[in-house]
Amino acid sequence: MTDANLPDRLSTDPSSPFHDAELLARGIGIRFRGAERTNVEEYCVSEGWVRVSLGNKVDRKGKPLTMKLTGPVEPYLREQD
């Protein structure tokens, strides 16, 4: 799979319909507004947003608390060493 074939939307949450465990295991990197982000829980390229986790805070169901940020999103495959 090349960077051009990456999905428009991807989530790290296994209960999400946009979750793809195989692709996440290969390693996806996210550039948001030109900077590398490592705390992205979900992204959507066409709508131009990412959901980032807020540290170690979790909701009452144990899922991480997130904040939605808007701007240009560039997903890419990380190099496998």
N, C-alpha and C. Protein backbone atom coordinates (compact mmCIF):
# COMPACT_ATOMS: atom_id res chain seq x y z
N MET A 1 0.84 -1.17 0.00
CA MET A 1 0.00 0.00 0.00
C MET A 1 0.89 1.24 0.00
N THR A 2 0.59 2.17 -0.87
CA THR A 2 1.35 3.42 -0.93
C THR A 2 0.63 4.50 -0.16
N ASP A 3 1.30 5.65 0.00
CA ASP A 3 0.67 6.76 0.71
C ASP A 3 -0.60 7.23 0.01
N ALA A 4 -0.66 7.09 -1.31
CA ALA A 4 -1.85 7.52 -2.06
C ALA A 4 -3.04 6.60 -1.78
N ASN A 5 -2.81 5.36 -1.34
CA ASN A 5 -3.88 4.41 -1.09
C ASN A 5 -4.34 4.37 0.36
N LEU A 6 -3.83 5.26 1.20
CA LEU A 6 -4.25 5.28 2.60
C LEU A 6 -5.71 5.71 2.69
N PRO A 7 -6.44 5.20 3.68
CA PRO A 7 -7.86 5.55 3.79
C PRO A 7 -8.05 7.02 4.14
N ASP A 8 -9.20 7.55 3.73
CA ASP A 8 -9.55 8.94 4.02
C ASP A 8 -9.75 9.15 5.52
N ARG A 9 -10.24 8.12 6.20
CA ARG A 9 -10.51 8.22 7.63
C ARG A 9 -10.04 6.96 8.31
N LEU A 10 -9.39 7.12 9.48
CA LEU A 10 -8.85 5.97 10.21
C LEU A 10 -8.92 6.26 11.69
N SER A 11 -9.25 5.23 12.49
CA SER A 11 -9.37 5.38 13.93
C SER A 11 -8.58 4.28 14.64
N THR A 12 -8.05 4.60 15.81
CA THR A 12 -7.35 3.60 16.62
C THR A 12 -8.29 2.84 17.54
N ASP A 13 -9.53 3.28 17.65
CA ASP A 13 -10.52 2.66 18.52
C ASP A 13 -11.09 1.40 17.86
N PRO A 14 -10.90 0.21 18.45
CA PRO A 14 -11.38 -1.03 17.84
C PRO A 14 -12.90 -1.09 17.64
N SER A 15 -13.67 -0.33 18.38
CA SER A 15 -15.13 -0.36 18.22
C SER A 15 -15.60 0.57 17.10
N SER A 16 -14.71 1.33 16.49
CA SER A 16 -15.07 2.26 15.42
C SER A 16 -15.19 1.53 14.09
N PRO A 17 -16.12 1.93 13.24
CA PRO A 17 -16.19 1.32 11.90
C PRO A 17 -15.01 1.72 11.01
N PHE A 18 -14.23 2.70 11.42
CA PHE A 18 -13.08 3.17 10.65
C PHE A 18 -11.76 2.58 11.15
N HIS A 19 -11.83 1.56 12.00
CA HIS A 19 -10.64 0.91 12.56
C HIS A 19 -10.11 -0.13 11.58
N ASP A 20 -8.79 -0.14 11.34
CA ASP A 20 -8.13 -1.13 10.48
C ASP A 20 -6.86 -1.59 11.20
N ALA A 21 -6.95 -2.71 11.90
CA ALA A 21 -5.84 -3.19 12.73
C ALA A 21 -4.60 -3.50 11.91
N GLU A 22 -4.75 -4.11 10.73
CA GLU A 22 -3.60 -4.44 9.89
C GLU A 22 -2.83 -3.20 9.48
N LEU A 23 -3.55 -2.19 9.06
CA LEU A 23 -2.91 -0.94 8.63
C LEU A 23 -2.23 -0.24 9.80
N LEU A 24 -2.86 -0.22 10.95
CA LEU A 24 -2.27 0.41 12.13
C LEU A 24 -1.01 -0.33 12.58
N ALA A 25 -1.00 -1.65 12.42
CA ALA A 25 0.18 -2.44 12.79
C ALA A 25 1.37 -2.14 11.88
N ARG A 26 1.09 -1.78 10.63
CA ARG A 26 2.18 -1.42 9.70
C ARG A 26 2.83 -0.11 10.08
N GLY A 27 2.07 0.78 10.69
CA GLY A 27 2.62 2.06 11.14
C GLY A 27 2.16 3.22 10.28
N ILE A 28 1.32 4.05 10.82
CA ILE A 28 0.82 5.23 10.13
C ILE A 28 1.35 6.46 10.85
N GLY A 29 1.89 7.40 10.10
CA GLY A 29 2.31 8.67 10.66
C GLY A 29 1.35 9.76 10.22
N ILE A 30 1.21 10.79 11.02
CA ILE A 30 0.30 11.90 10.70
C ILE A 30 1.06 13.21 10.78
N ARG A 31 0.99 13.97 9.70
CA ARG A 31 1.47 15.35 9.73
C ARG A 31 0.23 16.23 9.77
N PHE A 32 0.12 17.04 10.80
CA PHE A 32 -1.02 17.94 10.96
C PHE A 32 -0.50 19.36 11.02
N ARG A 33 -0.93 20.18 10.09
CA ARG A 33 -0.44 21.56 9.95
C ARG A 33 1.07 21.59 9.80
N GLY A 34 1.62 20.60 9.13
CA GLY A 34 3.05 20.54 8.86
C GLY A 34 3.91 19.96 9.97
N ALA A 35 3.33 19.61 11.11
CA ALA A 35 4.08 19.07 12.24
C ALA A 35 3.69 17.61 12.47
N GLU A 36 4.65 16.79 12.87
CA GLU A 36 4.41 15.38 13.19
C GLU A 36 3.62 15.28 14.49
N ARG A 37 2.50 14.54 14.47
CA ARG A 37 1.69 14.32 15.67
C ARG A 37 1.74 12.85 16.05
N THR A 38 1.96 12.58 17.33
CA THR A 38 2.04 11.19 17.79
C THR A 38 0.85 10.80 18.66
N ASN A 39 -0.02 11.75 19.00
CA ASN A 39 -1.14 11.46 19.88
C ASN A 39 -2.48 11.47 19.16
N VAL A 40 -2.50 11.18 17.86
CA VAL A 40 -3.72 11.20 17.06
C VAL A 40 -4.50 9.90 17.29
N GLU A 41 -5.76 10.03 17.67
CA GLU A 41 -6.64 8.88 17.88
C GLU A 41 -7.45 8.57 16.61
N GLU A 42 -7.77 9.60 15.82
CA GLU A 42 -8.57 9.43 14.61
C GLU A 42 -8.28 10.61 13.70
N TYR A 43 -8.37 10.38 12.38
CA TYR A 43 -8.20 11.48 11.44
C TYR A 43 -9.16 11.34 10.28
N CYS A 44 -9.42 12.46 9.58
CA CYS A 44 -10.20 12.48 8.36
C CYS A 44 -9.56 13.50 7.43
N VAL A 45 -9.04 13.04 6.30
CA VAL A 45 -8.34 13.91 5.37
C VAL A 45 -9.32 14.83 4.64
N SER A 46 -10.42 14.29 4.12
CA SER A 46 -11.35 15.09 3.32
C SER A 46 -12.02 16.20 4.12
N GLU A 47 -12.31 15.94 5.41
CA GLU A 47 -12.93 16.97 6.24
C GLU A 47 -11.90 17.84 6.94
N GLY A 48 -10.63 17.43 6.94
CA GLY A 48 -9.54 18.22 7.49
C GLY A 48 -9.55 18.34 9.01
N TRP A 49 -9.60 17.21 9.71
CA TRP A 49 -9.54 17.24 11.16
C TRP A 49 -8.84 16.01 11.72
N VAL A 50 -8.37 16.16 12.95
CA VAL A 50 -7.81 15.05 13.72
C VAL A 50 -8.40 15.10 15.12
N ARG A 51 -8.47 13.94 15.76
CA ARG A 51 -8.84 13.87 17.18
C ARG A 51 -7.58 13.46 17.91
N VAL A 52 -7.16 14.28 18.86
CA VAL A 52 -5.95 14.00 19.64
C VAL A 52 -6.33 13.71 21.08
N SER A 53 -5.58 12.80 21.69
CA SER A 53 -5.85 12.46 23.09
C SER A 53 -5.31 13.56 24.00
N LEU A 54 -5.96 13.73 25.13
CA LEU A 54 -5.58 14.74 26.11
C LEU A 54 -4.80 14.10 27.25
N GLY A 55 -3.59 13.70 26.97
CA GLY A 55 -2.75 13.08 27.99
C GLY A 55 -3.28 11.74 28.41
N ASN A 56 -3.28 11.48 29.73
CA ASN A 56 -3.75 10.20 30.27
C ASN A 56 -5.19 10.27 30.75
N LYS A 57 -5.90 11.33 30.43
CA LYS A 57 -7.29 11.47 30.88
C LYS A 57 -8.19 10.51 30.12
N VAL A 58 -9.10 9.87 30.85
CA VAL A 58 -10.05 8.94 30.24
C VAL A 58 -11.46 9.27 30.71
N ASP A 59 -12.45 8.85 29.89
CA ASP A 59 -13.83 9.05 30.30
C ASP A 59 -14.26 7.90 31.22
N ARG A 60 -15.50 7.88 31.61
CA ARG A 60 -15.95 6.86 32.58
C ARG A 60 -15.99 5.45 32.00
N LYS A 61 -15.89 5.33 30.66
CA LYS A 61 -15.84 4.02 30.03
C LYS A 61 -14.41 3.56 29.77
N GLY A 62 -13.42 4.38 30.15
CA GLY A 62 -12.03 4.01 29.99
C GLY A 62 -11.41 4.42 28.66
N LYS A 63 -12.17 5.12 27.80
CA LYS A 63 -11.64 5.57 26.52
C LYS A 63 -10.96 6.92 26.72
N PRO A 64 -9.90 7.21 25.97
CA PRO A 64 -9.20 8.48 26.16
C PRO A 64 -10.07 9.67 25.78
N LEU A 65 -9.93 10.76 26.56
CA LEU A 65 -10.61 12.00 26.21
C LEU A 65 -9.88 12.60 25.02
N THR A 66 -10.65 13.12 24.06
CA THR A 66 -10.05 13.66 22.85
C THR A 66 -10.54 15.07 22.58
N MET A 67 -9.77 15.76 21.74
CA MET A 67 -10.14 17.09 21.30
C MET A 67 -10.00 17.10 19.77
N LYS A 68 -10.97 17.72 19.10
CA LYS A 68 -10.96 17.77 17.64
C LYS A 68 -10.26 19.06 17.19
N LEU A 69 -9.24 18.90 16.33
CA LEU A 69 -8.50 20.03 15.78
C LEU A 69 -8.69 20.04 14.27
N THR A 70 -8.84 21.21 13.68
CA THR A 70 -9.04 21.30 12.23
C THR A 70 -7.82 21.90 11.56
N GLY A 71 -7.58 21.44 10.35
CA GLY A 71 -6.45 21.90 9.56
C GLY A 71 -6.05 20.83 8.55
N PRO A 72 -5.02 21.09 7.76
CA PRO A 72 -4.59 20.10 6.75
C PRO A 72 -3.98 18.86 7.40
N VAL A 73 -4.43 17.69 6.95
CA VAL A 73 -3.99 16.40 7.50
C VAL A 73 -3.27 15.62 6.40
N GLU A 74 -2.08 15.09 6.69
CA GLU A 74 -1.31 14.30 5.73
C GLU A 74 -0.89 12.98 6.37
N PRO A 75 -1.63 11.88 6.10
CA PRO A 75 -1.20 10.57 6.62
C PRO A 75 -0.12 9.98 5.71
N TYR A 76 0.78 9.18 6.27
CA TYR A 76 1.81 8.50 5.49
C TYR A 76 2.20 7.22 6.20
N LEU A 77 2.76 6.30 5.44
CA LEU A 77 3.27 5.04 6.01
C LEU A 77 4.65 5.30 6.57
N ARG A 78 4.87 4.86 7.80
CA ARG A 78 6.19 4.99 8.41
C ARG A 78 7.11 3.94 7.82
N GLU A 79 8.38 4.26 7.76
CA GLU A 79 9.38 3.33 7.24
C GLU A 79 9.57 2.18 8.21
N GLN A 80 9.59 0.96 7.70
CA GLN A 80 9.81 -0.22 8.52
C GLN A 80 11.30 -0.53 8.52
N ASP A 81 11.91 -0.56 9.69
CA ASP A 81 13.35 -0.86 9.79
C ASP A 81 13.59 -2.33 10.00
